[in-house]
Structures are given as C-alpha cells and as structure tokens.
Amino acid sequence: EFLRPAELRAALAQGGHGAMVVTSFRSCDSLRWALAAEEVAASREQLLRDFPVFGVGPRTCGALRKLGFRNVTGDDTGEATQLGPMVIDFWRSHLQPRKLLLLRGDKALETLPLLFTQAAIPFDGIVTYNTLEGASEEAIQQLRAIPGLG
C-alpha cells in the first residue's frame, strides 16, 4: 500500500537534503505522487536532472529512471549492505553536512539506518509504503465476483 507522506513533498520542495536513498521500487509510487505536487514544481526539473539518488538494485534504479531521475546509482547492488558503503563514501566526499533522505517501507530492516548512524551521517527516514499481509478486502471481493472460482 503506497503512502502519500506530506513530509516527502516538503523534503523535495525544500531541497535541504544532499542525496536520496530508495530501498525499494515500491517507494516510486510515493515519489511519483510527490513529484507531481504543486509545491515541488519549481524544483522538479533540477531534482530529476541533478539530485543524487541511490537505489537498492537494478529494479529500484530502473523505476527511479522511469520517473525521470538521471543521477541514479546502485544498479550493481542487490541489498542494503552493498549500497550502504557506496552512499557513505559519496556522502563523505561530497555532502557534509547535508542530510540524506531515506525512503523505505514500514517493515524495512534497520541495515541502512544502522550503517548511517554508525558512520555519523544524518538522515531523515520517511516510510513511503506499508507491506500488507494477505489479500485486501477489495481484492477478496473482486475474486469472489469471478464466476466459477467458488
């Protein structure tokens, strides 16, 4: 279930972060929503063109590029333990003292937050989607409406 966190729109509009880390392609629905917001309009083109974005794995990086981000890193990673050191190295060489923006799900492991905390890197974490267990009531109703399924 993708979320529409107001703090995501505000973070993109204010431009106070030095880079963004996206842990799953599922966060891209929230990003699409936030990028379409009126308050982000003034900075949208520059964000898409220049803002450093790190994605965990090729699927996430592909989804970020599909949204229009051009400065995307992380295709060659498959998990947070591989991406974390790349982000830390980047931050140390480019960003101090600007915070990272970390987009994640509600059930995400604490791997990246722990790595960033141990490296004394400030970050703002935003939950962009909830992982639902089982089928939603709407999905169950749709399945029940199919003749012959019982």
N, C-alpha and C. Protein backbone atom coordinates (compact mmCIF):
# COMPACT_ATOMS: atom_id res chain seq x y z
N GLU A 1 0.85 -1.16 0.00
CA GLU A 1 0.00 0.00 0.00
C GLU A 1 0.91 1.24 0.00
N PHE A 2 0.86 2.00 -1.09
CA PHE A 2 1.73 3.17 -1.12
C PHE A 2 1.10 4.30 -0.35
N LEU A 3 1.95 5.07 0.31
CA LEU A 3 1.52 6.17 1.16
C LEU A 3 1.78 7.50 0.48
N ARG A 4 1.15 8.52 0.99
CA ARG A 4 1.34 9.89 0.48
C ARG A 4 1.81 10.78 1.65
N PRO A 5 3.06 10.56 2.10
CA PRO A 5 3.52 11.34 3.25
C PRO A 5 3.81 12.79 2.88
N ALA A 6 3.17 13.71 3.59
CA ALA A 6 3.36 15.14 3.34
C ALA A 6 4.82 15.53 3.50
N GLU A 7 5.53 14.87 4.41
CA GLU A 7 6.93 15.22 4.64
C GLU A 7 7.82 14.90 3.43
N LEU A 8 7.39 13.97 2.57
CA LEU A 8 8.14 13.68 1.35
C LEU A 8 8.04 14.85 0.38
N ARG A 9 6.83 15.34 0.18
CA ARG A 9 6.65 16.51 -0.70
C ARG A 9 7.44 17.69 -0.17
N ALA A 10 7.36 17.92 1.13
CA ALA A 10 8.07 19.05 1.73
C ALA A 10 9.58 18.89 1.57
N ALA A 11 10.10 17.68 1.78
CA ALA A 11 11.54 17.45 1.66
C ALA A 11 12.02 17.71 0.23
N LEU A 12 11.26 17.27 -0.76
CA LEU A 12 11.64 17.50 -2.15
C LEU A 12 11.54 18.98 -2.52
N ALA A 13 10.52 19.65 -2.01
CA ALA A 13 10.31 21.06 -2.33
C ALA A 13 11.37 21.96 -1.67
N GLN A 14 11.77 21.63 -0.47
CA GLN A 14 12.71 22.48 0.27
C GLN A 14 14.15 22.29 -0.17
N GLY A 15 14.48 21.13 -0.70
CA GLY A 15 15.83 20.90 -1.21
C GLY A 15 16.93 20.90 -0.16
N GLY A 16 16.62 20.54 1.06
CA GLY A 16 17.62 20.56 2.13
C GLY A 16 18.46 19.31 2.25
N HIS A 17 18.22 18.32 1.42
CA HIS A 17 18.96 17.07 1.50
C HIS A 17 20.02 17.00 0.39
N GLY A 18 21.11 16.30 0.70
CA GLY A 18 22.20 16.20 -0.26
C GLY A 18 22.08 15.04 -1.22
N ALA A 19 21.29 14.04 -0.86
CA ALA A 19 21.08 12.86 -1.72
C ALA A 19 19.88 12.09 -1.16
N MET A 20 19.36 11.19 -1.99
CA MET A 20 18.22 10.37 -1.58
C MET A 20 18.58 8.91 -1.76
N VAL A 21 18.18 8.10 -0.79
CA VAL A 21 18.39 6.66 -0.83
C VAL A 21 17.02 6.00 -0.85
N VAL A 22 16.79 5.13 -1.84
CA VAL A 22 15.50 4.47 -2.01
C VAL A 22 15.71 2.97 -1.88
N THR A 23 15.06 2.35 -0.91
CA THR A 23 15.33 0.94 -0.61
C THR A 23 14.52 -0.04 -1.45
N SER A 24 13.47 0.44 -2.11
CA SER A 24 12.62 -0.48 -2.88
C SER A 24 11.91 0.28 -4.01
N PHE A 25 11.67 -0.44 -5.10
CA PHE A 25 10.93 0.16 -6.21
C PHE A 25 9.53 0.59 -5.76
N ARG A 26 9.03 0.00 -4.69
CA ARG A 26 7.69 0.34 -4.20
C ARG A 26 7.60 1.80 -3.73
N SER A 27 8.73 2.38 -3.36
CA SER A 27 8.74 3.79 -2.95
C SER A 27 8.49 4.72 -4.12
N CYS A 28 8.62 4.23 -5.33
CA CYS A 28 8.48 5.08 -6.52
C CYS A 28 7.04 5.58 -6.71
N ASP A 29 6.05 4.86 -6.23
CA ASP A 29 4.67 5.35 -6.31
C ASP A 29 4.52 6.63 -5.48
N SER A 30 5.09 6.63 -4.28
CA SER A 30 5.05 7.82 -3.44
C SER A 30 5.85 8.95 -4.06
N LEU A 31 6.99 8.61 -4.65
CA LEU A 31 7.81 9.62 -5.31
C LEU A 31 7.07 10.25 -6.48
N ARG A 32 6.39 9.43 -7.27
CA ARG A 32 5.61 9.95 -8.41
C ARG A 32 4.57 10.95 -7.91
N TRP A 33 3.87 10.57 -6.86
CA TRP A 33 2.87 11.44 -6.26
C TRP A 33 3.50 12.76 -5.77
N ALA A 34 4.62 12.65 -5.07
CA ALA A 34 5.27 13.84 -4.52
C ALA A 34 5.81 14.75 -5.61
N LEU A 35 6.38 14.18 -6.66
CA LEU A 35 6.94 14.98 -7.76
C LEU A 35 5.85 15.74 -8.51
N ALA A 36 4.63 15.22 -8.49
CA ALA A 36 3.52 15.87 -9.19
C ALA A 36 2.92 17.03 -8.39
N ALA A 37 3.32 17.16 -7.15
CA ALA A 37 2.75 18.20 -6.28
C ALA A 37 3.14 19.59 -6.75
N GLU A 38 2.23 20.51 -6.59
CA GLU A 38 2.45 21.90 -6.98
C GLU A 38 3.65 22.51 -6.26
N GLU A 39 3.82 22.16 -4.98
CA GLU A 39 4.91 22.74 -4.21
C GLU A 39 6.30 22.28 -4.67
N VAL A 40 6.35 21.19 -5.45
CA VAL A 40 7.63 20.68 -5.95
C VAL A 40 7.91 21.20 -7.36
N ALA A 41 6.92 21.79 -7.99
CA ALA A 41 7.03 22.21 -9.40
C ALA A 41 8.26 23.06 -9.68
N ALA A 42 8.57 24.00 -8.81
CA ALA A 42 9.69 24.92 -9.06
C ALA A 42 11.04 24.21 -9.09
N SER A 43 11.18 23.12 -8.35
CA SER A 43 12.47 22.42 -8.28
C SER A 43 12.49 21.07 -8.99
N ARG A 44 11.35 20.68 -9.59
CA ARG A 44 11.22 19.35 -10.18
C ARG A 44 12.30 19.04 -11.23
N GLU A 45 12.49 19.93 -12.19
CA GLU A 45 13.45 19.66 -13.28
C GLU A 45 14.86 19.48 -12.75
N GLN A 46 15.26 20.36 -11.83
CA GLN A 46 16.60 20.25 -11.27
C GLN A 46 16.75 18.97 -10.45
N LEU A 47 15.72 18.62 -9.67
CA LEU A 47 15.75 17.36 -8.91
C LEU A 47 15.98 16.17 -9.83
N LEU A 48 15.19 16.11 -10.89
CA LEU A 48 15.28 14.97 -11.80
C LEU A 48 16.63 14.94 -12.52
N ARG A 49 17.15 16.09 -12.83
CA ARG A 49 18.40 16.16 -13.59
C ARG A 49 19.63 15.95 -12.71
N ASP A 50 19.68 16.60 -11.53
CA ASP A 50 20.93 16.68 -10.78
C ASP A 50 20.96 15.95 -9.44
N PHE A 51 19.83 15.75 -8.81
CA PHE A 51 19.81 15.23 -7.45
C PHE A 51 20.38 13.81 -7.40
N PRO A 52 21.40 13.56 -6.58
CA PRO A 52 21.97 12.21 -6.47
C PRO A 52 20.97 11.26 -5.79
N VAL A 53 20.67 10.17 -6.47
CA VAL A 53 19.71 9.19 -5.95
C VAL A 53 20.38 7.82 -5.96
N PHE A 54 20.28 7.11 -4.84
CA PHE A 54 20.81 5.77 -4.71
C PHE A 54 19.65 4.80 -4.56
N GLY A 55 19.64 3.74 -5.36
CA GLY A 55 18.60 2.73 -5.28
C GLY A 55 19.20 1.38 -4.99
N VAL A 56 18.49 0.56 -4.24
CA VAL A 56 18.95 -0.79 -3.94
C VAL A 56 18.57 -1.69 -5.12
N GLY A 57 19.53 -2.00 -5.96
CA GLY A 57 19.34 -2.96 -7.04
C GLY A 57 18.82 -2.37 -8.34
N PRO A 58 18.90 -3.19 -9.39
CA PRO A 58 18.52 -2.73 -10.73
C PRO A 58 17.03 -2.43 -10.88
N ARG A 59 16.18 -3.15 -10.18
CA ARG A 59 14.74 -2.90 -10.30
C ARG A 59 14.37 -1.53 -9.74
N THR A 60 14.93 -1.21 -8.59
CA THR A 60 14.66 0.10 -7.98
C THR A 60 15.27 1.21 -8.83
N CYS A 61 16.50 1.03 -9.28
CA CYS A 61 17.16 2.05 -10.11
C CYS A 61 16.40 2.26 -11.42
N GLY A 62 15.91 1.19 -12.02
CA GLY A 62 15.12 1.29 -13.24
C GLY A 62 13.83 2.08 -13.01
N ALA A 63 13.18 1.82 -11.89
CA ALA A 63 11.94 2.54 -11.56
C ALA A 63 12.22 4.02 -11.32
N LEU A 64 13.35 4.33 -10.71
CA LEU A 64 13.73 5.73 -10.48
C LEU A 64 13.99 6.44 -11.81
N ARG A 65 14.67 5.77 -12.71
CA ARG A 65 14.92 6.37 -14.03
C ARG A 65 13.61 6.56 -14.80
N LYS A 66 12.70 5.63 -14.63
CA LYS A 66 11.40 5.75 -15.29
C LYS A 66 10.64 6.98 -14.82
N LEU A 67 10.87 7.38 -13.57
CA LEU A 67 10.27 8.60 -13.04
C LEU A 67 10.94 9.85 -13.59
N GLY A 68 12.15 9.67 -14.16
CA GLY A 68 12.86 10.80 -14.75
C GLY A 68 14.17 11.16 -14.07
N PHE A 69 14.51 10.49 -12.96
CA PHE A 69 15.78 10.78 -12.30
C PHE A 69 16.93 10.34 -13.20
N ARG A 70 17.94 11.20 -13.32
CA ARG A 70 19.06 10.92 -14.23
C ARG A 70 20.35 10.60 -13.50
N ASN A 71 20.47 10.99 -12.23
CA ASN A 71 21.69 10.79 -11.47
C ASN A 71 21.47 9.65 -10.47
N VAL A 72 21.33 8.43 -11.01
CA VAL A 72 20.96 7.26 -10.21
C VAL A 72 22.13 6.29 -10.12
N THR A 73 22.39 5.80 -8.91
CA THR A 73 23.47 4.85 -8.65
C THR A 73 22.90 3.67 -7.86
N GLY A 74 23.42 2.47 -8.12
CA GLY A 74 23.05 1.31 -7.32
C GLY A 74 22.60 0.10 -8.11
N ASP A 75 22.65 0.20 -9.45
CA ASP A 75 22.22 -0.95 -10.27
C ASP A 75 22.97 -2.22 -9.94
N ASP A 76 24.23 -2.09 -9.56
CA ASP A 76 25.08 -3.26 -9.31
C ASP A 76 24.98 -3.77 -7.88
N THR A 77 24.02 -3.26 -7.12
CA THR A 77 23.81 -3.76 -5.76
C THR A 77 22.52 -4.56 -5.74
N GLY A 78 22.38 -5.38 -4.74
CA GLY A 78 21.15 -6.15 -4.61
C GLY A 78 20.57 -6.09 -3.22
N GLU A 79 21.34 -5.48 -2.33
CA GLU A 79 20.87 -5.37 -0.96
C GLU A 79 21.51 -4.16 -0.28
N ALA A 80 20.94 -3.78 0.82
CA ALA A 80 21.37 -2.58 1.52
C ALA A 80 22.82 -2.66 1.98
N THR A 81 23.29 -3.86 2.34
CA THR A 81 24.67 -3.99 2.82
C THR A 81 25.67 -3.66 1.72
N GLN A 82 25.27 -3.80 0.46
CA GLN A 82 26.15 -3.44 -0.65
C GLN A 82 26.04 -1.96 -0.98
N LEU A 83 24.85 -1.40 -0.88
CA LEU A 83 24.64 0.00 -1.22
C LEU A 83 25.15 0.95 -0.13
N GLY A 84 24.98 0.57 1.12
CA GLY A 84 25.35 1.43 2.24
C GLY A 84 26.75 2.02 2.15
N PRO A 85 27.79 1.20 1.96
CA PRO A 85 29.14 1.75 1.87
C PRO A 85 29.32 2.73 0.70
N MET A 86 28.62 2.50 -0.41
CA MET A 86 28.70 3.43 -1.54
C MET A 86 28.13 4.80 -1.16
N VAL A 87 27.00 4.79 -0.46
CA VAL A 87 26.37 6.04 -0.02
C VAL A 87 27.27 6.76 0.97
N ILE A 88 27.83 6.02 1.91
CA ILE A 88 28.71 6.61 2.92
C ILE A 88 29.93 7.26 2.26
N ASP A 89 30.56 6.57 1.32
CA ASP A 89 31.72 7.13 0.61
C ASP A 89 31.32 8.40 -0.14
N PHE A 90 30.17 8.35 -0.81
CA PHE A 90 29.69 9.52 -1.54
C PHE A 90 29.45 10.69 -0.60
N TRP A 91 28.76 10.43 0.50
CA TRP A 91 28.43 11.48 1.46
C TRP A 91 29.70 12.12 2.01
N ARG A 92 30.66 11.30 2.38
CA ARG A 92 31.91 11.82 2.97
C ARG A 92 32.68 12.69 1.98
N SER A 93 32.60 12.38 0.70
CA SER A 93 33.36 13.14 -0.28
C SER A 93 32.61 14.33 -0.88
N HIS A 94 31.28 14.40 -0.69
CA HIS A 94 30.51 15.45 -1.35
C HIS A 94 29.59 16.29 -0.47
N LEU A 95 29.02 15.72 0.55
CA LEU A 95 27.83 16.32 1.11
C LEU A 95 27.92 17.01 2.46
N GLN A 96 28.93 16.77 3.21
CA GLN A 96 28.89 17.26 4.58
C GLN A 96 28.53 18.73 4.61
N PRO A 97 27.65 19.17 5.43
CA PRO A 97 26.90 18.45 6.46
C PRO A 97 25.44 18.19 6.07
N ARG A 98 25.11 18.12 4.79
CA ARG A 98 23.71 17.94 4.38
C ARG A 98 23.21 16.53 4.67
N LYS A 99 21.96 16.42 5.08
CA LYS A 99 21.35 15.14 5.43
C LYS A 99 21.02 14.31 4.19
N LEU A 100 20.91 13.01 4.42
CA LEU A 100 20.38 12.10 3.41
C LEU A 100 18.87 11.99 3.61
N LEU A 101 18.17 11.72 2.54
CA LEU A 101 16.74 11.43 2.59
C LEU A 101 16.59 9.94 2.30
N LEU A 102 16.06 9.18 3.25
CA LEU A 102 15.94 7.73 3.13
C LEU A 102 14.47 7.34 3.00
N LEU A 103 14.12 6.76 1.86
CA LEU A 103 12.74 6.30 1.62
C LEU A 103 12.70 4.80 1.80
N ARG A 104 11.72 4.33 2.57
CA ARG A 104 11.68 2.91 2.93
C ARG A 104 10.27 2.46 3.24
N GLY A 105 10.10 1.15 3.37
CA GLY A 105 8.82 0.59 3.75
C GLY A 105 8.70 0.45 5.26
N ASP A 106 7.50 0.15 5.71
CA ASP A 106 7.25 0.03 7.14
C ASP A 106 7.92 -1.17 7.78
N LYS A 107 8.26 -2.18 6.99
CA LYS A 107 8.88 -3.38 7.54
C LYS A 107 10.35 -3.52 7.12
N ALA A 108 10.93 -2.43 6.65
CA ALA A 108 12.33 -2.47 6.20
C ALA A 108 13.26 -2.82 7.36
N LEU A 109 14.31 -3.53 7.02
CA LEU A 109 15.33 -3.84 8.02
C LEU A 109 16.05 -2.55 8.41
N GLU A 110 16.71 -2.57 9.50
CA GLU A 110 17.41 -1.38 10.01
C GLU A 110 18.85 -1.29 9.50
N THR A 111 19.17 -2.02 8.43
CA THR A 111 20.54 -2.07 7.93
C THR A 111 21.09 -0.69 7.58
N LEU A 112 20.41 0.04 6.71
CA LEU A 112 20.91 1.35 6.30
C LEU A 112 20.87 2.37 7.44
N PRO A 113 19.78 2.47 8.20
CA PRO A 113 19.83 3.41 9.33
C PRO A 113 20.98 3.12 10.30
N LEU A 114 21.25 1.85 10.55
CA LEU A 114 22.34 1.48 11.45
C LEU A 114 23.69 1.88 10.85
N LEU A 115 23.89 1.59 9.55
CA LEU A 115 25.15 1.96 8.89
C LEU A 115 25.35 3.47 8.91
N PHE A 116 24.29 4.22 8.61
CA PHE A 116 24.40 5.68 8.58
C PHE A 116 24.65 6.24 9.98
N THR A 117 24.00 5.68 10.98
CA THR A 117 24.20 6.13 12.36
C THR A 117 25.63 5.85 12.81
N GLN A 118 26.13 4.65 12.52
CA GLN A 118 27.50 4.29 12.90
C GLN A 118 28.52 5.19 12.20
N ALA A 119 28.21 5.63 10.99
CA ALA A 119 29.12 6.50 10.24
C ALA A 119 28.88 7.97 10.55
N ALA A 120 28.01 8.27 11.51
CA ALA A 120 27.67 9.64 11.92
C ALA A 120 27.12 10.47 10.76
N ILE A 121 26.32 9.83 9.93
CA ILE A 121 25.69 10.52 8.80
C ILE A 121 24.25 10.84 9.16
N PRO A 122 23.88 12.11 9.15
CA PRO A 122 22.50 12.47 9.47
C PRO A 122 21.56 12.10 8.32
N PHE A 123 20.37 11.64 8.67
CA PHE A 123 19.40 11.28 7.63
C PHE A 123 17.99 11.47 8.17
N ASP A 124 17.08 11.68 7.24
CA ASP A 124 15.66 11.71 7.54
C ASP A 124 15.03 10.51 6.87
N GLY A 125 14.43 9.63 7.64
CA GLY A 125 13.75 8.47 7.10
C GLY A 125 12.27 8.73 6.94
N ILE A 126 11.74 8.35 5.76
CA ILE A 126 10.31 8.52 5.50
C ILE A 126 9.75 7.18 5.03
N VAL A 127 8.71 6.71 5.69
CA VAL A 127 8.04 5.47 5.28
C VAL A 127 7.11 5.83 4.12
N THR A 128 7.33 5.18 2.97
CA THR A 128 6.58 5.50 1.76
C THR A 128 5.57 4.42 1.37
N TYR A 129 5.66 3.26 2.01
CA TYR A 129 4.67 2.22 1.72
C TYR A 129 4.56 1.28 2.91
N ASN A 130 3.38 0.67 3.03
CA ASN A 130 3.13 -0.36 4.03
C ASN A 130 3.05 -1.70 3.33
N THR A 131 3.64 -2.70 3.96
CA THR A 131 3.55 -4.06 3.45
C THR A 131 2.32 -4.69 4.09
N LEU A 132 1.37 -5.11 3.26
CA LEU A 132 0.14 -5.70 3.77
C LEU A 132 0.25 -7.21 3.76
N GLU A 133 -0.28 -7.82 4.78
CA GLU A 133 -0.26 -9.27 4.85
C GLU A 133 -1.61 -9.79 4.39
N GLY A 134 -1.58 -10.72 3.46
CA GLY A 134 -2.82 -11.27 2.94
C GLY A 134 -3.47 -10.33 1.94
N ALA A 135 -4.55 -10.79 1.37
CA ALA A 135 -5.27 -10.01 0.37
C ALA A 135 -6.14 -8.95 1.04
N SER A 136 -6.28 -7.82 0.38
CA SER A 136 -7.15 -6.78 0.90
C SER A 136 -8.61 -7.21 0.73
N GLU A 137 -9.49 -6.57 1.46
CA GLU A 137 -10.93 -6.88 1.34
C GLU A 137 -11.41 -6.62 -0.08
N GLU A 138 -10.90 -5.56 -0.71
CA GLU A 138 -11.27 -5.24 -2.09
C GLU A 138 -10.85 -6.37 -3.04
N ALA A 139 -9.63 -6.89 -2.84
CA ALA A 139 -9.15 -7.98 -3.69
C ALA A 139 -10.00 -9.24 -3.50
N ILE A 140 -10.36 -9.52 -2.28
CA ILE A 140 -11.19 -10.70 -2.00
C ILE A 140 -12.55 -10.55 -2.68
N GLN A 141 -13.15 -9.37 -2.61
CA GLN A 141 -14.44 -9.13 -3.27
C GLN A 141 -14.32 -9.31 -4.79
N GLN A 142 -13.22 -8.84 -5.37
CA GLN A 142 -13.02 -8.99 -6.81
C GLN A 142 -12.87 -10.46 -7.19
N LEU A 143 -12.18 -11.22 -6.36
CA LEU A 143 -12.03 -12.65 -6.62
C LEU A 143 -13.38 -13.37 -6.49
N ARG A 144 -14.15 -13.00 -5.50
CA ARG A 144 -15.47 -13.64 -5.31
C ARG A 144 -16.41 -13.37 -6.49
N ALA A 145 -16.20 -12.25 -7.17
CA ALA A 145 -17.06 -11.88 -8.29
C ALA A 145 -16.74 -12.66 -9.56
N ILE A 146 -15.64 -13.39 -9.58
CA ILE A 146 -15.28 -14.17 -10.77
C ILE A 146 -16.07 -15.47 -10.77
N PRO A 147 -16.89 -15.68 -11.81
CA PRO A 147 -17.70 -16.92 -11.85
C PRO A 147 -16.82 -18.17 -11.88
N GLY A 148 -17.24 -19.16 -11.14
CA GLY A 148 -16.56 -20.45 -11.16
C GLY A 148 -15.42 -20.61 -10.18
N LEU A 149 -15.04 -19.56 -9.47
CA LEU A 149 -13.94 -19.70 -8.50
C LEU A 149 -14.40 -20.31 -7.18
N GLY A 150 -15.67 -20.25 -6.91
CA GLY A 150 -16.17 -20.85 -5.69
C GLY A 150 -15.99 -20.00 -4.47
